[in-house]
Every structure is written in structure tokens, then in C-alpha cells.
Amino acid sequence: MTTTDAPAGAQAVTRALGLLHCFRDNTGELSASDLARQMELSVSTAHRLARTLVAAGFLEQNDRTSRYRLGPAVAELGQLSLHQRGLHRAAPELAALSAATGAAADLAIRSGSHAVILVGASIQPSTGLGLRRPLHSTALGKVLLAWPGPGEDDLTALPPLTAQTDRTIVDRDALAAELDLVRSAGHALNDGESAYGVRTVGVPVLDSAGRAHFALALRSTPDVLTDARLPSFLARVRACAEALEVLLLPPDRRRVRTFD
């Protein structure tokens, strides 16, 4: 659909949603000028959109500074989304996995070119926020790329692959080859590619179509997650992924299992 034949009001809706996305990196309160700059709009237009979102409860305005922050409607919908996805049932499983391995366990979904952690050790207790990390530089992201959802298998659609460390894969052909290895092994590794001194192993929570509905990872240091201990870590994280498949996916989207 082109801009000319878009339904009336579609541009305003798109801009309002874009305005909300300006807050997704936990930037704190933003002024109308901040929003205008990020959205490439005039300050008056950004202010008008923000005031509309304030009236609907999606933003709040600080009376002292006139700056904006996310409102209660966003928090309410976020909590509803987590419960509708059943993610509140995942927290005890991740806590048990962390306790058994001494590593941090996280569960993520894909959002565009990022892996978004929704449950697990990386959720910030003070804010309830997780992490948005580039797909190409994390084990979680590699899992989501290796078992993509519908329309998510085009690596050329990703933005430039920026280096987080000197180990980060920044060439698309090299990334494609890495994903072939991930699929063959059934798991992904991040060995200092997102940050030095971090080693992570990730596996998919697969649905009946063979897609990664979620990605599950254990994060530690190379001294803890050694090559010798990797099989033990993998056995536990895979068992957790199978449990999450039952807990989080509706019956018609679970894989059919056969037992000898």
C-alpha cells in the first residue's frame, strides 16, 4: 500500500507508534524537541502527537520539566502481553536453570533486527526492562536468525552488522555460514562477540513448524562455560527449552514427539 492510497489517519497512527518507539532504549524522559529530532518531525507536530498520547494514557508529562515518559497504558498492555504469552510461567524455569548451572538464563523473542529479552536474569530489577541486543552478535540472536519466523529469513534486510568486539561477525556471508553451523549443531555460541569476557550458549524453543518461537540462553564467563562443561550446560538448557515449549506454546503449535 502506498502513501497515497493509505487509509485516512494511517500516517498519524504510524507517527504515534513511532513516537512510542523513541522510548524503547530506556532513554528516560524526552522533550518534544528530542522526539521531533528522532522522528524527523517539526516540534509542534511532535508535541501535538505526544499530547494526544498523554490523553490516552500512553505517555505522561512531567509537570516540572514538561518532558515526556511512558504512561500507565503501556505498562498495563505490557503486563497483559506477558501473561497472554504465558511468560509469567517461564520465570521459575529460568530461575531453576540458573540455580543448577550458576549461569544467567534469559528468554528472548525477535523484534526487527534485535533480540529482546523478556524474562530472565538480564531483566533490570529497578525498571523491569530487559535488553535489546543486535541479532548477529549474540547467541540468542543467532538462534532467532537460524530458525526464523515467516518473512524473517532475509539477512540482507538486517541493518549494517556493526562490531561489538573484534570477534563480532560483520560480514553477511560469514554470518550465513555461521547460521548453517548453528542449525547443524542445534545450538548457538557467543564467544566474546557481544562483549569481552562473556560466553553464551543458546537454543531454540521450537514450534511445530520448526521455527524459533523463543530463544533461550545461558550466559557466563569462559572460565565457567568451558568447552569441557558445554555438553552439561547444553543438556540442561535443552531440557528447559522442551519444558518451555509445553508451558508457553498452545497444543496445536507444539512439536509432535515420538518415544521409543
C-alpha atoms as a PDB file:
ATOM      1  CA  MET A   1       0.000   0.000   0.000  1.00  0.00           C
ATOM      2  CA  THR A   2       1.425   3.381  -0.997  1.00  0.00           C
ATOM      3  CA  THR A   3       1.161   6.566   0.992  1.00  0.00           C
ATOM      4  CA  THR A   4      -1.372   7.969  -1.457  1.00  0.00           C
ATOM      5  CA  ASP A   5      -3.844   5.121  -1.013  1.00  0.00           C
ATOM      6  CA  ALA A   6      -3.284   4.615   2.736  1.00  0.00           C
ATOM      7  CA  PRO A   7      -6.477   4.893   4.784  1.00  0.00           C
ATOM      8  CA  ALA A   8      -7.272   8.211   6.405  1.00  0.00           C
ATOM      9  CA  GLY A   9      -5.408   8.627   9.690  1.00  0.00           C
ATOM     10  CA  ALA A  10      -2.850   5.909   8.936  1.00  0.00           C
ATOM     11  CA  GLN A  11       0.034   8.399   8.876  1.00  0.00           C
ATOM     12  CA  ALA A  12      -0.961   9.778  12.271  1.00  0.00           C
ATOM     13  CA  VAL A  13      -1.166   6.270  13.718  1.00  0.00           C
ATOM     14  CA  THR A  14       2.240   5.372  12.275  1.00  0.00           C
ATOM     15  CA  ARG A  15       3.761   8.536  13.695  1.00  0.00           C
ATOM     16  CA  ALA A  16       2.194   7.953  17.121  1.00  0.00           C
ATOM     17  CA  LEU A  17       3.568   4.413  17.251  1.00  0.00           C
ATOM     18  CA  GLY A  18       6.958   5.700  16.125  1.00  0.00           C
ATOM     19  CA  LEU A  19       6.843   8.228  18.925  1.00  0.00           C
ATOM     20  CA  LEU A  20       6.347   5.451  21.476  1.00  0.00           C
ATOM     21  CA  HIS A  21       9.276   3.537  19.991  1.00  0.00           C
ATOM     22  CA  CYS A  22      11.519   6.509  20.776  1.00  0.00           C
ATOM     23  CA  PHE A  23      11.397   5.344  24.409  1.00  0.00           C
ATOM     24  CA  ARG A  24      12.302   1.717  23.767  1.00  0.00           C
ATOM     25  CA  ASP A  25      16.011   2.075  24.647  1.00  0.00           C
ATOM     26  CA  ASN A  26      15.211   3.271  28.181  1.00  0.00           C
ATOM     27  CA  THR A  27      16.335   6.799  27.421  1.00  0.00           C
ATOM     28  CA  GLY A  28      14.278   8.222  30.274  1.00  0.00           C
ATOM     29  CA  GLU A  29      12.185  11.317  29.788  1.00  0.00           C
ATOM     30  CA  LEU A  30      12.265  13.002  26.375  1.00  0.00           C
ATOM     31  CA  SER A  31      11.341  16.527  25.390  1.00  0.00           C
ATOM     32  CA  ALA A  32       9.213  17.438  22.389  1.00  0.00           C
ATOM     33  CA  SER A  33      12.440  18.546  20.689  1.00  0.00           C
ATOM     34  CA  ASP A  34      14.020  15.136  21.369  1.00  0.00           C
ATOM     35  CA  LEU A  35      11.001  13.382  19.879  1.00  0.00           C
ATOM     36  CA  ALA A  36      10.917  15.705  16.887  1.00  0.00           C
ATOM     37  CA  ARG A  37      14.594  15.071  16.160  1.00  0.00           C
ATOM     38  CA  GLN A  38      14.255  11.299  16.370  1.00  0.00           C
ATOM     39  CA  MET A  39      11.064  11.261  14.290  1.00  0.00           C
ATOM     40  CA  GLU A  40      12.251  13.929  11.833  1.00  0.00           C
ATOM     41  CA  LEU A  41       9.130  15.995  12.532  1.00  0.00           C
ATOM     42  CA  SER A  42       8.535  19.599  13.466  1.00  0.00           C
ATOM     43  CA  VAL A  43       8.487  20.280  17.203  1.00  0.00           C
ATOM     44  CA  SER A  44       4.865  21.386  17.013  1.00  0.00           C
ATOM     45  CA  THR A  45       3.820  18.129  15.336  1.00  0.00           C
ATOM     46  CA  ALA A  46       5.761  16.037  17.859  1.00  0.00           C
ATOM     47  CA  HIS A  47       4.232  17.974  20.719  1.00  0.00           C
ATOM     48  CA  ARG A  48       0.713  17.538  19.301  1.00  0.00           C
ATOM     49  CA  LEU A  49       1.190  13.772  18.900  1.00  0.00           C
ATOM     50  CA  ALA A  50       2.652  13.494  22.391  1.00  0.00           C
ATOM     51  CA  ARG A  51      -0.263  15.381  23.928  1.00  0.00           C
ATOM     52  CA  THR A  52      -2.690  13.019  22.172  1.00  0.00           C
ATOM     53  CA  LEU A  53      -0.830  10.042  23.643  1.00  0.00           C
ATOM     54  CA  VAL A  54      -0.882  11.685  27.073  1.00  0.00           C
ATOM     55  CA  ALA A  55      -4.673  11.996  26.858  1.00  0.00           C
ATOM     56  CA  ALA A  56      -4.888   8.273  26.029  1.00  0.00           C
ATOM     57  CA  GLY A  57      -2.574   7.279  28.898  1.00  0.00           C
ATOM     58  CA  PHE A  58       0.252   6.051  26.678  1.00  0.00           C
ATOM     59  CA  LEU A  59       2.542   8.909  27.738  1.00  0.00           C
ATOM     60  CA  GLU A  60       2.840  11.062  30.841  1.00  0.00           C
ATOM     61  CA  GLN A  61       4.188  14.604  31.024  1.00  0.00           C
ATOM     62  CA  ASN A  62       6.396  15.784  33.834  1.00  0.00           C
ATOM     63  CA  ASP A  63       4.708  18.928  35.190  1.00  0.00           C
ATOM     64  CA  ARG A  64       8.037  20.386  36.274  1.00  0.00           C
ATOM     65  CA  THR A  65      10.120  19.782  33.141  1.00  0.00           C
ATOM     66  CA  SER A  66       7.373  19.319  30.501  1.00  0.00           C
ATOM     67  CA  ARG A  67       9.274  16.247  29.310  1.00  0.00           C
ATOM     68  CA  TYR A  68       7.505  13.006  28.425  1.00  0.00           C
ATOM     69  CA  ARG A  69       7.769   9.421  29.690  1.00  0.00           C
ATOM     70  CA  LEU A  70       5.847   6.229  29.031  1.00  0.00           C
ATOM     71  CA  GLY A  71       2.420   6.147  30.634  1.00  0.00           C
ATOM     72  CA  PRO A  72       0.378   3.578  32.567  1.00  0.00           C
ATOM     73  CA  ALA A  73      -1.441   2.270  29.492  1.00  0.00           C
ATOM     74  CA  VAL A  74       1.865   0.983  28.104  1.00  0.00           C
ATOM     75  CA  ALA A  75       2.680  -0.772  31.388  1.00  0.00           C
ATOM     76  CA  GLU A  76      -0.777  -2.330  31.526  1.00  0.00           C
ATOM     77  CA  LEU A  77      -0.615  -3.621  27.961  1.00  0.00           C
ATOM     78  CA  GLY A  78       2.938  -4.870  28.519  1.00  0.00           C
ATOM     79  CA  GLN A  79       1.868  -6.905  31.541  1.00  0.00           C
ATOM     80  CA  LEU A  80      -1.150  -8.248  29.659  1.00  0.00           C
ATOM     81  CA  SER A  81       1.078  -9.256  26.743  1.00  0.00           C
ATOM     82  CA  LEU A  82       3.466 -11.118  29.054  1.00  0.00           C
ATOM     83  CA  HIS A  83       0.591 -13.019  30.643  1.00  0.00           C
ATOM     84  CA  GLN A  84      -1.102 -13.751  27.337  1.00  0.00           C
ATOM     85  CA  ARG A  85       2.163 -15.225  26.089  1.00  0.00           C
ATOM     86  CA  GLY A  86       2.397 -17.225  29.319  1.00  0.00           C
ATOM     87  CA  LEU A  87       5.789 -15.732  30.097  1.00  0.00           C
ATOM     88  CA  HIS A  88       4.995 -15.465  33.798  1.00  0.00           C
ATOM     89  CA  ARG A  89       5.196 -19.275  33.801  1.00  0.00           C
ATOM     90  CA  ALA A  90       8.735 -19.176  32.378  1.00  0.00           C
ATOM     91  CA  ALA A  91      10.353 -17.295  35.269  1.00  0.00           C
ATOM     92  CA  PRO A  92      10.504 -20.270  37.702  1.00  0.00           C
ATOM     93  CA  GLU A  93      12.001 -22.493  34.981  1.00  0.00           C
ATOM     94  CA  LEU A  94      14.704 -19.932  34.213  1.00  0.00           C
ATOM     95  CA  ALA A  95      15.445 -19.422  37.898  1.00  0.00           C
ATOM     96  CA  ALA A  96      15.865 -23.181  38.357  1.00  0.00           C
ATOM     97  CA  LEU A  97      18.140 -23.362  35.304  1.00  0.00           C
ATOM     98  CA  SER A  98      20.299 -20.547  36.653  1.00  0.00           C
ATOM     99  CA  ALA A  99      20.489 -22.191  40.085  1.00  0.00           C
ATOM    100  CA  ALA A 100      21.520 -25.528  38.575  1.00  0.00           C
ATOM    101  CA  THR A 101      24.232 -24.108  36.332  1.00  0.00           C
ATOM    102  CA  GLY A 102      25.452 -20.981  38.084  1.00  0.00           C
ATOM    103  CA  ALA A 103      24.863 -19.085  34.818  1.00  0.00           C
ATOM    104  CA  ALA A 104      22.382 -16.377  33.881  1.00  0.00           C
ATOM    105  CA  ALA A 105      19.359 -17.689  31.959  1.00  0.00           C
ATOM    106  CA  ASP A 106      17.374 -15.470  29.573  1.00  0.00           C
ATOM    107  CA  LEU A 107      14.431 -15.918  27.219  1.00  0.00           C
ATOM    108  CA  ALA A 108      14.056 -13.672  24.183  1.00  0.00           C
ATOM    109  CA  ILE A 109      11.925 -13.024  21.119  1.00  0.00           C
ATOM    110  CA  ARG A 110      12.787 -11.283  17.886  1.00  0.00           C
ATOM    111  CA  SER A 111      11.814  -7.677  17.285  1.00  0.00           C
ATOM    112  CA  GLY A 112      13.091  -6.487  13.929  1.00  0.00           C
ATOM    113  CA  SER A 113      16.877  -6.604  13.971  1.00  0.00           C
ATOM    114  CA  HIS A 114      17.118  -7.198  17.731  1.00  0.00           C
ATOM    115  CA  ALA A 115      16.701  -9.986  20.227  1.00  0.00           C
ATOM    116  CA  VAL A 116      14.540  -8.681  23.058  1.00  0.00           C
ATOM    117  CA  ILE A 117      14.928 -10.383  26.439  1.00  0.00           C
ATOM    118  CA  LEU A 118      11.537 -10.578  28.156  1.00  0.00           C
ATOM    119  CA  VAL A 119      12.212 -12.909  31.091  1.00  0.00           C
ATOM    120  CA  GLY A 120      15.353 -13.867  32.947  1.00  0.00           C
ATOM    121  CA  ALA A 121      18.463 -12.697  34.728  1.00  0.00           C
ATOM    122  CA  SER A 122      19.046  -9.736  32.406  1.00  0.00           C
ATOM    123  CA  ILE A 123      15.774  -8.055  33.350  1.00  0.00           C
ATOM    124  CA  GLN A 124      16.683  -4.983  35.381  1.00  0.00           C
ATOM    125  CA  PRO A 125      15.006  -5.234  38.819  1.00  0.00           C
ATOM    126  CA  SER A 126      14.740  -1.461  39.196  1.00  0.00           C
ATOM    127  CA  THR A 127      12.897  -0.904  35.915  1.00  0.00           C
ATOM    128  CA  GLY A 128      11.582  -4.295  34.803  1.00  0.00           C
ATOM    129  CA  LEU A 129      13.334  -3.736  31.495  1.00  0.00           C
ATOM    130  CA  GLY A 130      15.328  -6.318  29.620  1.00  0.00           C
ATOM    131  CA  LEU A 131      17.876  -5.878  26.895  1.00  0.00           C
ATOM    132  CA  ARG A 132      17.596  -5.250  23.184  1.00  0.00           C
ATOM    133  CA  ARG A 133      20.636  -6.698  21.515  1.00  0.00           C
ATOM    134  CA  PRO A 134      21.629  -6.922  17.828  1.00  0.00           C
ATOM    135  CA  LEU A 135      20.813 -10.329  16.409  1.00  0.00           C
ATOM    136  CA  HIS A 136      24.187 -11.001  14.802  1.00  0.00           C
ATOM    137  CA  SER A 137      26.358 -10.646  17.916  1.00  0.00           C
ATOM    138  CA  THR A 138      24.528 -12.778  20.485  1.00  0.00           C
ATOM    139  CA  ALA A 139      23.672 -16.447  20.941  1.00  0.00           C
ATOM    140  CA  LEU A 140      20.024 -15.504  21.411  1.00  0.00           C
ATOM    141  CA  GLY A 141      20.080 -13.558  18.154  1.00  0.00           C
ATOM    142  CA  LYS A 142      21.816 -16.298  16.197  1.00  0.00           C
ATOM    143  CA  VAL A 143      19.159 -18.764  17.339  1.00  0.00           C
ATOM    144  CA  LEU A 144      16.385 -16.447  16.173  1.00  0.00           C
ATOM    145  CA  LEU A 145      18.154 -15.993  12.829  1.00  0.00           C
ATOM    146  CA  ALA A 146      18.874 -19.695  12.374  1.00  0.00           C
ATOM    147  CA  TRP A 147      15.255 -20.748  12.893  1.00  0.00           C
ATOM    148  CA  PRO A 148      13.422 -17.683  11.546  1.00  0.00           C
ATOM    149  CA  GLY A 149       9.733 -16.941  11.514  1.00  0.00           C
ATOM    150  CA  PRO A 150       7.755 -16.218   8.346  1.00  0.00           C
ATOM    151  CA  GLY A 151       9.367 -13.418   6.330  1.00  0.00           C
ATOM    152  CA  GLU A 152      12.388 -13.218   8.651  1.00  0.00           C
ATOM    153  CA  ASP A 153      14.892 -15.275   6.651  1.00  0.00           C
ATOM    154  CA  ASP A 154      16.413 -12.467   4.563  1.00  0.00           C
ATOM    155  CA  LEU A 155      19.768 -11.486   6.034  1.00  0.00           C
ATOM    156  CA  THR A 156      20.057  -8.608   3.578  1.00  0.00           C
ATOM    157  CA  ALA A 157      17.156  -6.941   5.388  1.00  0.00           C
ATOM    158  CA  LEU A 158      19.291  -6.521   8.502  1.00  0.00           C
ATOM    159  CA  PRO A 159      20.978  -3.167   9.088  1.00  0.00           C
ATOM    160  CA  PRO A 160      24.787  -2.998   8.823  1.00  0.00           C
ATOM    161  CA  LEU A 161      26.416  -5.601  11.073  1.00  0.00           C
ATOM    162  CA  THR A 162      28.346  -3.424  13.476  1.00  0.00           C
ATOM    163  CA  ALA A 163      31.233  -4.766  15.547  1.00  0.00           C
ATOM    164  CA  GLN A 164      30.741  -5.031  19.296  1.00  0.00           C
ATOM    165  CA  THR A 165      34.223  -6.562  19.716  1.00  0.00           C
ATOM    166  CA  ASP A 166      36.906  -7.718  17.304  1.00  0.00           C
ATOM    167  CA  ARG A 167      35.218 -11.146  17.353  1.00  0.00           C
ATOM    168  CA  THR A 168      31.840  -9.934  16.083  1.00  0.00           C
ATOM    169  CA  ILE A 169      30.757 -11.294  12.706  1.00  0.00           C
ATOM    170  CA  VAL A 170      30.231  -8.276  10.461  1.00  0.00           C
ATOM    171  CA  ASP A 171      30.137  -9.944   7.024  1.00  0.00           C
ATOM    172  CA  ARG A 172      26.754 -11.260   5.859  1.00  0.00           C
ATOM    173  CA  ASP A 173      28.230 -14.257   4.036  1.00  0.00           C
ATOM    174  CA  ALA A 174      30.186 -15.190   7.151  1.00  0.00           C
ATOM    175  CA  LEU A 175      27.004 -14.796   9.211  1.00  0.00           C
ATOM    176  CA  ALA A 176      25.105 -17.068   6.809  1.00  0.00           C
ATOM    177  CA  ALA A 177      27.843 -19.695   7.169  1.00  0.00           C
ATOM    178  CA  GLU A 178      27.710 -19.339  10.960  1.00  0.00           C
ATOM    179  CA  LEU A 179      23.949 -19.893  10.938  1.00  0.00           C
ATOM    180  CA  ASP A 180      24.416 -23.078   8.906  1.00  0.00           C
ATOM    181  CA  LEU A 181      26.717 -24.331  11.680  1.00  0.00           C
ATOM    182  CA  VAL A 182      24.183 -23.280  14.327  1.00  0.00           C
ATOM    183  CA  ARG A 183      21.403 -25.250  12.643  1.00  0.00           C
ATOM    184  CA  SER A 184      23.656 -28.263  12.216  1.00  0.00           C
ATOM    185  CA  ALA A 185      24.760 -28.216  15.861  1.00  0.00           C
ATOM    186  CA  GLY A 186      21.321 -27.353  17.218  1.00  0.00           C
ATOM    187  CA  HIS A 187      22.694 -24.515  19.329  1.00  0.00           C
ATOM    188  CA  ALA A 188      24.468 -21.160  19.015  1.00  0.00           C
ATOM    189  CA  LEU A 189      27.548 -19.824  20.776  1.00  0.00           C
ATOM    190  CA  ASN A 190      28.567 -16.268  21.512  1.00  0.00           C
ATOM    191  CA  ASP A 191      32.234 -16.338  22.486  1.00  0.00           C
ATOM    192  CA  GLY A 192      33.172 -12.738  23.241  1.00  0.00           C
ATOM    193  CA  GLU A 193      31.280 -11.417  20.216  1.00  0.00           C
ATOM    194  CA  SER A 194      28.984  -9.083  22.146  1.00  0.00           C
ATOM    195  CA  ALA A 195      31.362  -8.232  24.999  1.00  0.00           C
ATOM    196  CA  TYR A 196      34.767  -9.430  26.106  1.00  0.00           C
ATOM    197  CA  GLY A 197      34.720 -11.971  28.907  1.00  0.00           C
ATOM    198  CA  VAL A 198      31.215 -13.205  28.071  1.00  0.00           C
ATOM    199  CA  ARG A 199      30.369 -16.653  26.746  1.00  0.00           C
ATOM    200  CA  THR A 200      26.790 -17.682  25.978  1.00  0.00           C
ATOM    201  CA  VAL A 201      25.095 -20.782  24.623  1.00  0.00           C
ATOM    202  CA  GLY A 202      21.614 -20.550  23.121  1.00  0.00           C
ATOM    203  CA  VAL A 203      18.967 -22.985  21.879  1.00  0.00           C
ATOM    204  CA  PRO A 204      15.574 -22.526  20.231  1.00  0.00           C
ATOM    205  CA  VAL A 205      12.162 -23.133  21.744  1.00  0.00           C
ATOM    206  CA  LEU A 206      10.731 -24.587  18.550  1.00  0.00           C
ATOM    207  CA  ASP A 207       7.139 -24.719  17.402  1.00  0.00           C
ATOM    208  CA  SER A 208       5.509 -27.356  15.205  1.00  0.00           C
ATOM    209  CA  ALA A 209       6.675 -25.538  12.063  1.00  0.00           C
ATOM    210  CA  GLY A 210      10.316 -25.735  13.183  1.00  0.00           C
ATOM    211  CA  ARG A 211      10.573 -22.026  13.940  1.00  0.00           C
ATOM    212  CA  ALA A 212      12.181 -20.484  16.993  1.00  0.00           C
ATOM    213  CA  HIS A 213       9.176 -19.132  18.853  1.00  0.00           C
ATOM    214  CA  PHE A 214      11.615 -18.073  21.562  1.00  0.00           C
ATOM    215  CA  ALA A 215      15.372 -18.276  22.104  1.00  0.00           C
ATOM    216  CA  LEU A 216      16.784 -19.500  25.413  1.00  0.00           C
ATOM    217  CA  ALA A 217      20.358 -18.835  26.514  1.00  0.00           C
ATOM    218  CA  LEU A 218      22.770 -19.352  29.377  1.00  0.00           C
ATOM    219  CA  ARG A 219      25.353 -16.590  29.883  1.00  0.00           C
ATOM    220  CA  SER A 220      28.545 -16.809  31.926  1.00  0.00           C
ATOM    221  CA  THR A 221      32.303 -16.408  31.510  1.00  0.00           C
ATOM    222  CA  PRO A 222      34.715 -18.584  29.519  1.00  0.00           C
ATOM    223  CA  ASP A 223      36.124 -19.868  32.836  1.00  0.00           C
ATOM    224  CA  VAL A 224      32.697 -21.231  33.808  1.00  0.00           C
ATOM    225  CA  LEU A 225      31.208 -22.162  30.447  1.00  0.00           C
ATOM    226  CA  THR A 226      34.236 -24.136  29.263  1.00  0.00           C
ATOM    227  CA  ASP A 227      34.377 -26.463  26.280  1.00  0.00           C
ATOM    228  CA  ALA A 228      34.552 -29.400  28.686  1.00  0.00           C
ATOM    229  CA  ARG A 229      31.400 -28.303  30.514  1.00  0.00           C
ATOM    230  CA  LEU A 230      29.494 -27.263  27.391  1.00  0.00           C
ATOM    231  CA  PRO A 231      27.733 -30.662  26.934  1.00  0.00           C
ATOM    232  CA  SER A 232      26.415 -30.471  30.507  1.00  0.00           C
ATOM    233  CA  PHE A 233      25.197 -26.905  30.004  1.00  0.00           C
ATOM    234  CA  LEU A 234      23.570 -27.877  26.717  1.00  0.00           C
ATOM    235  CA  ALA A 235      21.750 -30.831  28.246  1.00  0.00           C
ATOM    236  CA  ARG A 236      20.215 -28.604  30.903  1.00  0.00           C
ATOM    237  CA  VAL A 237      19.311 -25.724  28.609  1.00  0.00           C
ATOM    238  CA  ARG A 238      17.726 -28.097  26.084  1.00  0.00           C
ATOM    239  CA  ALA A 239      15.671 -29.763  28.798  1.00  0.00           C
ATOM    240  CA  CYS A 240      14.498 -26.326  29.898  1.00  0.00           C
ATOM    241  CA  ALA A 241      13.625 -25.402  26.297  1.00  0.00           C
ATOM    242  CA  GLU A 242      11.478 -28.530  25.998  1.00  0.00           C
ATOM    243  CA  ALA A 243       9.688 -27.648  29.228  1.00  0.00           C
ATOM    244  CA  LEU A 244       9.086 -24.100  27.989  1.00  0.00           C
ATOM    245  CA  GLU A 245       7.678 -25.454  24.739  1.00  0.00           C
ATOM    246  CA  VAL A 246       4.948 -27.165  26.753  1.00  0.00           C
ATOM    247  CA  LEU A 247       4.425 -24.214  29.089  1.00  0.00           C
ATOM    248  CA  LEU A 248       4.402 -21.419  26.509  1.00  0.00           C
ATOM    249  CA  LEU A 249       3.037 -22.840  23.256  1.00  0.00           C
ATOM    250  CA  PRO A 250      -0.584 -23.850  22.659  1.00  0.00           C
ATOM    251  CA  PRO A 251      -1.048 -27.579  21.991  1.00  0.00           C
ATOM    252  CA  ASP A 252      -1.597 -27.128  18.257  1.00  0.00           C
ATOM    253  CA  ARG A 253       1.761 -25.337  17.925  1.00  0.00           C
ATOM    254  CA  ARG A 254       3.850 -27.858  19.827  1.00  0.00           C
ATOM    255  CA  ARG A 255       6.018 -30.382  18.061  1.00  0.00           C
ATOM    256  CA  VAL A 256       4.789 -33.961  17.876  1.00  0.00           C
ATOM    257  CA  ARG A 257       7.170 -36.136  19.840  1.00  0.00           C
ATOM    258  CA  THR A 258       7.700 -39.860  19.425  1.00  0.00           C
ATOM    259  CA  PHE A 259       9.193 -42.082  22.073  1.00  0.00           C
ATOM    260  CA  ASP A 260      10.946 -45.375  21.502  1.00  0.00           C
END
